[in-house]
Amino acid sequence: METLNQVLSLMEAFKAFDGDNDGCINEA
């Protein structure tokens, strides 16, 4: 079971990869 901090960290990491904030991992 993941803690809330781990979930938030994953979300932040995902946002870093989601360059155009469309929910898909990409560089643009």
Protein backbone atom coordinates (compact mmCIF):
# COMPACT_ATOMS: atom_id res chain seq x y z
CA MET A 1 0.00 0.00 0.00
CA GLU A 2 1.46 3.30 -1.12
CA THR A 3 1.45 6.35 1.07
CA LEU A 4 -0.03 9.64 -0.07
CA ASN A 5 3.45 11.11 -0.44
CA GLN A 6 4.43 8.32 -2.83
CA VAL A 7 1.32 8.94 -4.91
CA LEU A 8 2.00 12.67 -5.02
CA SER A 9 5.60 12.03 -6.04
CA LEU A 10 4.43 9.79 -8.88
CA MET A 11 2.00 12.48 -10.03
CA GLU A 12 4.74 15.09 -10.02
CA ALA A 13 7.01 12.79 -12.01
CA PHE A 14 4.22 12.19 -14.51
CA LYS A 15 3.61 15.92 -14.90
CA ALA A 16 7.32 16.39 -15.60
CA PHE A 17 7.03 13.97 -18.54
CA ASP A 18 3.70 15.40 -19.71
CA GLY A 19 5.20 18.36 -21.51
CA ASP A 20 1.97 19.75 -22.98
CA ASN A 21 -0.35 18.74 -20.15
CA ASP A 22 -2.58 16.60 -22.38
CA GLY A 23 -2.33 13.54 -20.15
CA CYS A 24 0.04 11.72 -22.50
CA ILE A 25 3.73 11.24 -21.74
CA ASN A 26 5.76 13.11 -24.35
CA GLU A 27 8.44 15.75 -24.70
CA ALA A 28 6.44 18.43 -26.52
